[in-house]
Amino acid sequence: MATPVMSPLELRQHAAFTALMWALSYPGRPQQLPACGLAAFGAIAEALVDLETGYFTPDAALAAALAATGGRALPPDRAPYQFYPRLTATELDALRLAPVGTYAYPDLGATLVLGCALGSGPTLSLTGPGISGSVQLHVGGLPEQLWALRTAAGPFPLGWDLLLVDGDQVVGLPRSTAVEVR
């Protein structure tokens, strides 16, 4: 019996999907992506975005990579996947519009992929499913208001899942994870 061989694209998609799965299963634990920098956002997009999903990004360079997935470019109030390689205070207006889901369909809440600086910046104390006790995480390069917006998005099961990307590292913060900024 012949064993199918994955193409380089399939290998990259599989590696990215696996990293994202573990990142969201164990919040606060960095996972390695198969690409670095802006290419890491492209690898995440290849794993998550397809013909049946939509995306939003304010970044022109990333928009071309996202369009190559076959997904639809949507406004921020309708996009289930949102990519911000560099989230600035001015982009928070678009982020405020991101879907948070409903009590009947919490899975309609957006997944936000945010560029950041892991290991520097404010200390976040994380608690919730997938975390034994609490985890401390240093995350810089994001506007302070992000954490208040995340809290205001609604009580669990409403809200956003966050994927924090720094180089080839990704950390997941599912909406079930409580975040306290210290």
N, C-alpha and C. Protein backbone atom coordinates (compact mmCIF):
# COMPACT_ATOMS: atom_id res chain seq x y z
N MET A 1 0.85 -1.18 0.00
CA MET A 1 0.00 0.00 0.00
C MET A 1 0.90 1.24 0.00
N ALA A 2 0.59 2.16 -0.87
CA ALA A 2 1.37 3.39 -0.99
C ALA A 2 0.95 4.39 0.07
N THR A 3 1.92 5.08 0.60
CA THR A 3 1.64 6.13 1.58
C THR A 3 1.65 7.47 0.86
N PRO A 4 0.58 8.25 1.01
CA PRO A 4 0.55 9.56 0.34
C PRO A 4 1.65 10.47 0.90
N VAL A 5 2.21 11.26 0.02
CA VAL A 5 3.25 12.20 0.41
C VAL A 5 2.66 13.60 0.35
N MET A 6 2.85 14.35 1.43
CA MET A 6 2.33 15.72 1.47
C MET A 6 3.25 16.65 0.67
N SER A 7 2.63 17.59 0.00
CA SER A 7 3.39 18.62 -0.72
C SER A 7 3.97 19.59 0.30
N PRO A 8 4.93 20.43 -0.12
CA PRO A 8 5.47 21.43 0.81
C PRO A 8 4.38 22.35 1.38
N LEU A 9 3.39 22.72 0.55
CA LEU A 9 2.29 23.56 1.03
C LEU A 9 1.49 22.82 2.10
N GLU A 10 1.17 21.55 1.85
CA GLU A 10 0.41 20.77 2.82
C GLU A 10 1.19 20.58 4.12
N LEU A 11 2.48 20.38 4.02
CA LEU A 11 3.32 20.25 5.22
C LEU A 11 3.29 21.54 6.04
N ARG A 12 3.40 22.70 5.36
CA ARG A 12 3.37 23.99 6.05
C ARG A 12 2.00 24.23 6.69
N GLN A 13 0.93 23.92 5.96
CA GLN A 13 -0.42 24.09 6.51
C GLN A 13 -0.63 23.19 7.72
N HIS A 14 -0.16 21.97 7.64
CA HIS A 14 -0.30 21.02 8.75
C HIS A 14 0.48 21.50 9.97
N ALA A 15 1.71 21.96 9.74
CA ALA A 15 2.53 22.45 10.86
C ALA A 15 1.91 23.69 11.49
N ALA A 16 1.38 24.60 10.67
CA ALA A 16 0.75 25.81 11.21
C ALA A 16 -0.51 25.45 11.99
N PHE A 17 -1.35 24.58 11.42
CA PHE A 17 -2.58 24.19 12.10
C PHE A 17 -2.28 23.51 13.43
N THR A 18 -1.29 22.63 13.44
CA THR A 18 -0.91 21.94 14.67
C THR A 18 -0.43 22.93 15.72
N ALA A 19 0.40 23.91 15.32
CA ALA A 19 0.87 24.93 16.27
C ALA A 19 -0.30 25.73 16.84
N LEU A 20 -1.26 26.08 15.99
CA LEU A 20 -2.42 26.85 16.45
C LEU A 20 -3.29 26.03 17.39
N MET A 21 -3.46 24.75 17.07
CA MET A 21 -4.25 23.87 17.93
C MET A 21 -3.64 23.78 19.33
N TRP A 22 -2.33 23.57 19.41
CA TRP A 22 -1.67 23.48 20.72
C TRP A 22 -1.65 24.83 21.42
N ALA A 23 -1.50 25.92 20.66
CA ALA A 23 -1.49 27.25 21.27
C ALA A 23 -2.83 27.56 21.94
N LEU A 24 -3.93 27.17 21.32
CA LEU A 24 -5.24 27.43 21.90
C LEU A 24 -5.59 26.41 22.98
N SER A 25 -5.01 25.22 22.90
CA SER A 25 -5.26 24.19 23.92
C SER A 25 -4.53 24.49 25.22
N TYR A 26 -3.36 25.11 25.11
CA TYR A 26 -2.53 25.45 26.28
C TYR A 26 -2.19 26.93 26.24
N PRO A 27 -3.16 27.78 26.63
CA PRO A 27 -2.95 29.23 26.56
C PRO A 27 -1.70 29.67 27.32
N GLY A 28 -0.99 30.59 26.72
CA GLY A 28 0.21 31.15 27.34
C GLY A 28 1.49 30.40 27.01
N ARG A 29 1.39 29.23 26.39
CA ARG A 29 2.59 28.46 26.00
C ARG A 29 2.92 28.74 24.54
N PRO A 30 4.08 29.32 24.28
CA PRO A 30 4.46 29.60 22.89
C PRO A 30 4.61 28.31 22.08
N GLN A 31 4.16 28.37 20.84
CA GLN A 31 4.30 27.27 19.89
C GLN A 31 5.03 27.80 18.67
N GLN A 32 5.75 26.94 17.99
CA GLN A 32 6.53 27.36 16.83
C GLN A 32 5.74 27.19 15.54
N LEU A 33 5.74 28.27 14.75
CA LEU A 33 5.10 28.27 13.43
C LEU A 33 6.13 27.88 12.37
N PRO A 34 5.68 27.43 11.19
CA PRO A 34 6.62 27.05 10.15
C PRO A 34 7.17 28.21 9.33
N ALA A 35 6.91 29.43 9.75
CA ALA A 35 7.41 30.61 9.04
C ALA A 35 7.65 31.71 10.06
N CYS A 36 8.30 32.78 9.63
CA CYS A 36 8.68 33.85 10.54
C CYS A 36 8.21 35.20 10.00
N GLY A 37 7.97 36.15 10.90
CA GLY A 37 7.60 37.51 10.50
C GLY A 37 6.26 37.56 9.80
N LEU A 38 6.18 38.37 8.74
CA LEU A 38 4.93 38.51 8.00
C LEU A 38 4.54 37.18 7.36
N ALA A 39 5.53 36.35 7.01
CA ALA A 39 5.23 35.03 6.44
C ALA A 39 4.49 34.15 7.45
N ALA A 40 4.69 34.36 8.75
CA ALA A 40 3.96 33.60 9.76
C ALA A 40 2.46 33.90 9.67
N PHE A 41 2.12 35.15 9.40
CA PHE A 41 0.71 35.50 9.22
C PHE A 41 0.14 34.79 8.00
N GLY A 42 0.95 34.69 6.94
CA GLY A 42 0.53 33.96 5.74
C GLY A 42 0.33 32.48 6.02
N ALA A 43 1.23 31.89 6.83
CA ALA A 43 1.10 30.47 7.19
C ALA A 43 -0.17 30.24 8.01
N ILE A 44 -0.47 31.15 8.92
CA ILE A 44 -1.71 31.04 9.71
C ILE A 44 -2.92 31.16 8.79
N ALA A 45 -2.86 32.10 7.85
CA ALA A 45 -3.97 32.28 6.91
C ALA A 45 -4.17 31.03 6.06
N GLU A 46 -3.08 30.41 5.61
CA GLU A 46 -3.21 29.17 4.81
C GLU A 46 -3.89 28.07 5.60
N ALA A 47 -3.66 28.05 6.91
CA ALA A 47 -4.25 27.00 7.75
C ALA A 47 -5.71 27.28 8.10
N LEU A 48 -6.12 28.55 8.14
CA LEU A 48 -7.45 28.89 8.64
C LEU A 48 -8.43 29.41 7.60
N VAL A 49 -7.94 30.13 6.62
CA VAL A 49 -8.82 30.82 5.67
C VAL A 49 -8.93 30.00 4.38
N ASP A 50 -10.17 29.84 3.91
CA ASP A 50 -10.38 29.12 2.66
C ASP A 50 -11.56 29.75 1.92
N LEU A 51 -12.05 29.07 0.91
CA LEU A 51 -13.13 29.60 0.07
C LEU A 51 -14.41 29.90 0.83
N GLU A 52 -14.60 29.27 1.99
CA GLU A 52 -15.83 29.45 2.74
C GLU A 52 -15.72 30.45 3.88
N THR A 53 -14.56 31.06 4.05
CA THR A 53 -14.38 32.00 5.15
C THR A 53 -13.94 33.36 4.63
N GLY A 54 -13.99 34.33 5.52
CA GLY A 54 -13.59 35.68 5.17
C GLY A 54 -12.54 36.19 6.13
N TYR A 55 -11.94 37.29 5.74
CA TYR A 55 -10.87 37.88 6.53
C TYR A 55 -10.90 39.40 6.41
N PHE A 56 -10.20 40.03 7.34
CA PHE A 56 -9.96 41.47 7.27
C PHE A 56 -8.53 41.72 7.69
N THR A 57 -7.88 42.66 7.01
CA THR A 57 -6.59 43.17 7.44
C THR A 57 -6.44 44.60 6.94
N PRO A 58 -5.87 45.48 7.76
CA PRO A 58 -5.58 46.83 7.28
C PRO A 58 -4.21 46.90 6.60
N ASP A 59 -3.47 45.79 6.60
CA ASP A 59 -2.10 45.75 6.08
C ASP A 59 -2.11 45.38 4.59
N ALA A 60 -1.67 46.30 3.74
CA ALA A 60 -1.70 46.09 2.29
C ALA A 60 -0.81 44.92 1.86
N ALA A 61 0.36 44.79 2.45
CA ALA A 61 1.27 43.71 2.07
C ALA A 61 0.68 42.35 2.40
N LEU A 62 0.02 42.24 3.54
CA LEU A 62 -0.58 40.97 3.95
C LEU A 62 -1.85 40.67 3.16
N ALA A 63 -2.54 41.69 2.69
CA ALA A 63 -3.80 41.50 1.95
C ALA A 63 -3.60 40.60 0.73
N ALA A 64 -2.46 40.74 0.04
CA ALA A 64 -2.20 39.90 -1.14
C ALA A 64 -2.07 38.44 -0.75
N ALA A 65 -1.37 38.15 0.35
CA ALA A 65 -1.23 36.77 0.81
C ALA A 65 -2.57 36.19 1.24
N LEU A 66 -3.39 37.01 1.88
CA LEU A 66 -4.71 36.55 2.31
C LEU A 66 -5.62 36.29 1.10
N ALA A 67 -5.52 37.12 0.08
CA ALA A 67 -6.33 36.93 -1.12
C ALA A 67 -5.97 35.61 -1.80
N ALA A 68 -4.72 35.19 -1.70
CA ALA A 68 -4.27 33.94 -2.33
C ALA A 68 -4.91 32.70 -1.70
N THR A 69 -5.47 32.84 -0.49
CA THR A 69 -6.12 31.69 0.16
C THR A 69 -7.47 31.36 -0.46
N GLY A 70 -8.02 32.29 -1.23
CA GLY A 70 -9.35 32.10 -1.79
C GLY A 70 -10.46 32.63 -0.90
N GLY A 71 -10.09 33.06 0.31
CA GLY A 71 -11.08 33.64 1.23
C GLY A 71 -11.57 34.99 0.71
N ARG A 72 -12.65 35.47 1.31
CA ARG A 72 -13.24 36.75 0.90
C ARG A 72 -12.78 37.87 1.82
N ALA A 73 -12.37 38.98 1.24
CA ALA A 73 -12.08 40.17 2.02
C ALA A 73 -13.42 40.74 2.49
N LEU A 74 -13.53 40.96 3.81
CA LEU A 74 -14.78 41.46 4.40
C LEU A 74 -14.47 42.67 5.27
N PRO A 75 -15.49 43.48 5.57
CA PRO A 75 -15.29 44.57 6.52
C PRO A 75 -15.08 44.00 7.93
N PRO A 76 -14.47 44.78 8.82
CA PRO A 76 -14.14 44.24 10.15
C PRO A 76 -15.35 43.79 10.98
N ASP A 77 -16.53 44.30 10.70
CA ASP A 77 -17.71 43.89 11.48
C ASP A 77 -18.26 42.53 11.03
N ARG A 78 -17.73 41.96 9.93
CA ARG A 78 -18.23 40.68 9.43
C ARG A 78 -17.14 39.62 9.28
N ALA A 79 -15.89 40.00 9.44
CA ALA A 79 -14.78 39.07 9.18
C ALA A 79 -14.51 38.14 10.36
N PRO A 80 -14.58 36.82 10.14
CA PRO A 80 -14.30 35.90 11.24
C PRO A 80 -12.82 35.80 11.58
N TYR A 81 -11.94 36.11 10.62
CA TYR A 81 -10.50 36.11 10.87
C TYR A 81 -9.97 37.50 10.56
N GLN A 82 -9.26 38.07 11.54
CA GLN A 82 -8.73 39.41 11.38
C GLN A 82 -7.25 39.40 11.69
N PHE A 83 -6.46 39.99 10.80
CA PHE A 83 -5.01 39.96 10.86
C PHE A 83 -4.44 41.37 11.02
N TYR A 84 -3.74 41.59 12.10
CA TYR A 84 -3.12 42.88 12.40
C TYR A 84 -1.64 42.65 12.71
N PRO A 85 -0.77 42.67 11.69
CA PRO A 85 0.65 42.46 11.97
C PRO A 85 1.21 43.48 12.95
N ARG A 86 0.66 44.69 12.92
CA ARG A 86 1.04 45.72 13.88
C ARG A 86 -0.22 46.45 14.28
N LEU A 87 -0.75 46.13 15.44
CA LEU A 87 -1.98 46.76 15.92
C LEU A 87 -1.64 48.08 16.58
N THR A 88 -2.17 49.16 16.02
CA THR A 88 -1.94 50.49 16.57
C THR A 88 -3.22 51.00 17.22
N ALA A 89 -3.08 52.07 17.99
CA ALA A 89 -4.24 52.66 18.65
C ALA A 89 -5.30 53.10 17.64
N THR A 90 -4.88 53.56 16.45
CA THR A 90 -5.85 54.00 15.45
C THR A 90 -6.62 52.82 14.85
N GLU A 91 -6.01 51.63 14.83
CA GLU A 91 -6.69 50.45 14.30
C GLU A 91 -7.67 49.84 15.30
N LEU A 92 -7.64 50.31 16.54
CA LEU A 92 -8.58 49.79 17.54
C LEU A 92 -10.03 50.08 17.16
N ASP A 93 -10.26 51.15 16.38
CA ASP A 93 -11.62 51.45 15.94
C ASP A 93 -12.18 50.31 15.09
N ALA A 94 -11.35 49.76 14.19
CA ALA A 94 -11.79 48.63 13.37
C ALA A 94 -11.96 47.39 14.25
N LEU A 95 -11.05 47.21 15.18
CA LEU A 95 -11.10 46.04 16.06
C LEU A 95 -12.35 46.03 16.93
N ARG A 96 -12.82 47.20 17.33
CA ARG A 96 -14.04 47.30 18.14
C ARG A 96 -15.24 46.68 17.44
N LEU A 97 -15.19 46.65 16.11
CA LEU A 97 -16.31 46.15 15.31
C LEU A 97 -16.28 44.62 15.14
N ALA A 98 -15.19 43.98 15.54
CA ALA A 98 -15.03 42.53 15.31
C ALA A 98 -16.18 41.76 15.95
N PRO A 99 -16.72 40.77 15.24
CA PRO A 99 -17.82 39.97 15.78
C PRO A 99 -17.44 39.27 17.09
N VAL A 100 -18.38 39.22 18.03
CA VAL A 100 -18.15 38.55 19.31
C VAL A 100 -18.99 37.28 19.45
N GLY A 101 -19.79 36.97 18.43
CA GLY A 101 -20.67 35.80 18.50
C GLY A 101 -21.94 36.14 19.25
N THR A 102 -22.77 35.12 19.42
CA THR A 102 -24.02 35.26 20.19
C THR A 102 -24.07 34.09 21.17
N TYR A 103 -24.99 34.15 22.11
CA TYR A 103 -25.11 33.04 23.05
C TYR A 103 -25.54 31.76 22.33
N ALA A 104 -26.32 31.89 21.27
CA ALA A 104 -26.72 30.71 20.51
C ALA A 104 -25.58 30.21 19.61
N TYR A 105 -24.76 31.13 19.11
CA TYR A 105 -23.65 30.79 18.20
C TYR A 105 -22.37 31.51 18.63
N PRO A 106 -21.78 31.11 19.74
CA PRO A 106 -20.55 31.79 20.19
C PRO A 106 -19.38 31.61 19.23
N ASP A 107 -19.43 30.56 18.41
CA ASP A 107 -18.35 30.31 17.46
C ASP A 107 -18.29 31.36 16.35
N LEU A 108 -19.25 32.25 16.30
CA LEU A 108 -19.23 33.33 15.32
C LEU A 108 -18.35 34.50 15.77
N GLY A 109 -17.77 34.40 16.97
CA GLY A 109 -16.82 35.41 17.43
C GLY A 109 -15.55 35.35 16.60
N ALA A 110 -14.92 36.48 16.38
CA ALA A 110 -13.74 36.56 15.52
C ALA A 110 -12.50 35.96 16.18
N THR A 111 -11.61 35.51 15.33
CA THR A 111 -10.25 35.14 15.75
C THR A 111 -9.34 36.26 15.29
N LEU A 112 -8.64 36.88 16.24
CA LEU A 112 -7.76 38.00 15.95
C LEU A 112 -6.31 37.53 15.98
N VAL A 113 -5.60 37.76 14.89
CA VAL A 113 -4.19 37.39 14.79
C VAL A 113 -3.40 38.69 14.89
N LEU A 114 -2.66 38.84 16.01
CA LEU A 114 -2.02 40.11 16.33
C LEU A 114 -0.51 39.97 16.44
N GLY A 115 0.21 40.85 15.77
CA GLY A 115 1.66 40.92 15.93
C GLY A 115 1.98 41.56 17.26
N CYS A 116 2.99 41.06 17.95
CA CYS A 116 3.35 41.59 19.27
C CYS A 116 4.82 41.29 19.56
N ALA A 117 5.25 41.63 20.76
CA ALA A 117 6.60 41.32 21.23
C ALA A 117 6.46 40.43 22.47
N LEU A 118 6.61 39.13 22.28
CA LEU A 118 6.53 38.21 23.42
C LEU A 118 7.80 38.32 24.24
N GLY A 119 7.64 38.25 25.56
CA GLY A 119 8.80 38.31 26.46
C GLY A 119 9.16 39.70 26.91
N SER A 120 8.41 40.71 26.45
CA SER A 120 8.64 42.08 26.91
C SER A 120 7.28 42.73 27.12
N GLY A 121 7.27 43.88 27.80
CA GLY A 121 6.01 44.59 28.00
C GLY A 121 5.31 44.18 29.28
N PRO A 122 4.05 44.59 29.39
CA PRO A 122 3.28 44.31 30.61
C PRO A 122 3.14 42.81 30.88
N THR A 123 2.98 42.48 32.14
CA THR A 123 2.75 41.09 32.53
C THR A 123 1.27 40.79 32.50
N LEU A 124 0.91 39.71 31.83
CA LEU A 124 -0.46 39.24 31.81
C LEU A 124 -0.53 38.00 32.68
N SER A 125 -1.51 37.95 33.54
CA SER A 125 -1.77 36.76 34.34
C SER A 125 -2.96 36.05 33.71
N LEU A 126 -2.73 34.81 33.27
CA LEU A 126 -3.75 34.05 32.55
C LEU A 126 -4.29 32.93 33.42
N THR A 127 -5.60 32.77 33.42
CA THR A 127 -6.26 31.65 34.11
C THR A 127 -7.37 31.13 33.22
N GLY A 128 -7.73 29.87 33.42
CA GLY A 128 -8.83 29.29 32.68
C GLY A 128 -8.50 27.90 32.19
N PRO A 129 -9.37 27.34 31.34
CA PRO A 129 -9.17 26.00 30.83
C PRO A 129 -7.82 25.87 30.10
N GLY A 130 -7.14 24.75 30.33
CA GLY A 130 -5.85 24.50 29.70
C GLY A 130 -4.68 25.06 30.48
N ILE A 131 -4.97 25.75 31.61
CA ILE A 131 -3.93 26.36 32.43
C ILE A 131 -4.02 25.79 33.84
N SER A 132 -2.93 25.24 34.32
CA SER A 132 -2.88 24.73 35.69
C SER A 132 -2.52 25.90 36.60
N GLY A 133 -3.48 26.35 37.40
CA GLY A 133 -3.25 27.52 38.26
C GLY A 133 -3.33 28.78 37.43
N SER A 134 -2.17 29.42 37.23
CA SER A 134 -2.10 30.60 36.38
C SER A 134 -0.76 30.61 35.64
N VAL A 135 -0.71 31.35 34.56
CA VAL A 135 0.49 31.51 33.76
C VAL A 135 0.76 33.00 33.64
N GLN A 136 2.02 33.38 33.78
CA GLN A 136 2.43 34.77 33.59
C GLN A 136 3.05 34.89 32.21
N LEU A 137 2.64 35.90 31.46
CA LEU A 137 3.12 36.10 30.11
C LEU A 137 3.41 37.58 29.92
N HIS A 138 4.57 37.90 29.37
CA HIS A 138 4.92 39.29 29.05
C HIS A 138 4.61 39.52 27.57
N VAL A 139 3.77 40.52 27.30
CA VAL A 139 3.38 40.83 25.92
C VAL A 139 3.49 42.33 25.70
N GLY A 140 4.36 42.72 24.79
CA GLY A 140 4.53 44.13 24.44
C GLY A 140 4.11 44.37 23.00
N GLY A 141 4.11 45.64 22.61
CA GLY A 141 3.80 45.99 21.23
C GLY A 141 2.33 46.06 20.91
N LEU A 142 1.47 46.00 21.92
CA LEU A 142 0.03 46.11 21.71
C LEU A 142 -0.51 47.30 22.50
N PRO A 143 -1.51 48.00 21.97
CA PRO A 143 -2.09 49.11 22.72
C PRO A 143 -2.70 48.63 24.04
N GLU A 144 -2.51 49.40 25.09
CA GLU A 144 -3.05 49.04 26.41
C GLU A 144 -4.56 48.81 26.36
N GLN A 145 -5.25 49.57 25.53
CA GLN A 145 -6.71 49.50 25.46
C GLN A 145 -7.22 48.15 24.96
N LEU A 146 -6.36 47.36 24.30
CA LEU A 146 -6.78 46.07 23.76
C LEU A 146 -7.40 45.19 24.84
N TRP A 147 -6.77 45.16 26.02
CA TRP A 147 -7.23 44.24 27.06
C TRP A 147 -8.59 44.66 27.61
N ALA A 148 -8.82 45.97 27.71
CA ALA A 148 -10.14 46.46 28.15
C ALA A 148 -11.19 46.15 27.08
N LEU A 149 -10.83 46.30 25.80
CA LEU A 149 -11.76 45.98 24.71
C LEU A 149 -12.12 44.50 24.73
N ARG A 150 -11.12 43.66 24.99
CA ARG A 150 -11.37 42.22 25.03
C ARG A 150 -12.36 41.89 26.15
N THR A 151 -12.18 42.51 27.29
CA THR A 151 -13.08 42.28 28.41
C THR A 151 -14.49 42.80 28.09
N ALA A 152 -14.55 43.98 27.46
CA ALA A 152 -15.84 44.59 27.13
C ALA A 152 -16.58 43.84 26.02
N ALA A 153 -15.87 43.00 25.27
CA ALA A 153 -16.50 42.27 24.17
C ALA A 153 -17.61 41.36 24.66
N GLY A 154 -17.57 41.02 25.93
CA GLY A 154 -18.66 40.23 26.49
C GLY A 154 -18.16 39.10 27.35
N PRO A 155 -19.03 38.61 28.22
CA PRO A 155 -18.64 37.47 29.06
C PRO A 155 -18.61 36.18 28.23
N PHE A 156 -17.78 35.25 28.66
CA PHE A 156 -17.71 33.96 27.99
C PHE A 156 -19.11 33.36 27.93
N PRO A 157 -19.56 32.84 26.84
CA PRO A 157 -18.84 32.37 25.67
C PRO A 157 -18.68 33.41 24.56
N LEU A 158 -19.09 34.66 24.80
CA LEU A 158 -18.89 35.70 23.80
C LEU A 158 -17.43 36.14 23.82
N GLY A 159 -17.01 36.81 22.75
CA GLY A 159 -15.67 37.38 22.73
C GLY A 159 -14.85 36.94 21.54
N TRP A 160 -13.54 37.17 21.68
CA TRP A 160 -12.59 36.90 20.61
C TRP A 160 -11.56 35.89 21.07
N ASP A 161 -11.11 35.07 20.15
CA ASP A 161 -9.93 34.25 20.36
C ASP A 161 -8.75 35.04 19.81
N LEU A 162 -7.66 35.11 20.58
CA LEU A 162 -6.48 35.85 20.14
C LEU A 162 -5.34 34.89 19.82
N LEU A 163 -4.65 35.17 18.74
CA LEU A 163 -3.41 34.50 18.41
C LEU A 163 -2.33 35.58 18.36
N LEU A 164 -1.41 35.53 19.32
CA LEU A 164 -0.35 36.53 19.43
C LEU A 164 0.89 35.99 18.73
N VAL A 165 1.38 36.73 17.73
CA VAL A 165 2.48 36.26 16.89
C VAL A 165 3.70 37.16 17.07
N ASP A 166 4.85 36.51 17.31
CA ASP A 166 6.13 37.22 17.38
C ASP A 166 7.16 36.36 16.66
N GLY A 167 7.58 36.80 15.47
CA GLY A 167 8.51 36.01 14.67
C GLY A 167 7.88 34.70 14.27
N ASP A 168 8.47 33.59 14.72
CA ASP A 168 7.90 32.27 14.40
C ASP A 168 7.20 31.65 15.60
N GLN A 169 6.87 32.47 16.60
CA GLN A 169 6.19 31.99 17.80
C GLN A 169 4.74 32.48 17.81
N VAL A 170 3.85 31.62 18.31
CA VAL A 170 2.45 32.00 18.47
C VAL A 170 1.98 31.56 19.85
N VAL A 171 1.21 32.43 20.49
CA VAL A 171 0.58 32.13 21.78
C VAL A 171 -0.92 32.32 21.59
N GLY A 172 -1.70 31.35 22.04
CA GLY A 172 -3.14 31.44 21.92
C GLY A 172 -3.78 31.90 23.21
N LEU A 173 -4.78 32.75 23.09
CA LEU A 173 -5.62 33.17 24.21
C LEU A 173 -7.08 33.01 23.79
N PRO A 174 -7.63 31.82 24.00
CA PRO A 174 -9.04 31.63 23.65
C PRO A 174 -9.94 32.52 24.50
N ARG A 175 -11.14 32.73 24.05
CA ARG A 175 -12.07 33.61 24.78
C ARG A 175 -12.36 33.09 26.18
N SER A 176 -12.11 31.81 26.44
CA SER A 176 -12.33 31.25 27.77
C SER A 176 -11.21 31.58 28.76
N THR A 177 -10.12 32.18 28.27
CA THR A 177 -8.99 32.53 29.13
C THR A 177 -9.20 33.92 29.73
N ALA A 178 -9.15 33.98 31.06
CA ALA A 178 -9.22 35.28 31.73
C ALA A 178 -7.84 35.91 31.72
N VAL A 179 -7.78 37.19 31.38
CA VAL A 179 -6.52 37.92 31.31
C VAL A 179 -6.56 39.07 32.28
N GLU A 180 -5.59 39.10 33.20
CA GLU A 180 -5.43 40.21 34.13
C GLU A 180 -4.11 40.90 33.82
N VAL A 181 -4.17 42.20 33.51
CA VAL A 181 -2.96 42.97 33.24
C VAL A 181 -2.38 43.45 34.54
N ARG A 182 -1.11 43.16 34.76
CA ARG A 182 -0.46 43.58 36.01
C ARG A 182 0.52 44.69 35.76
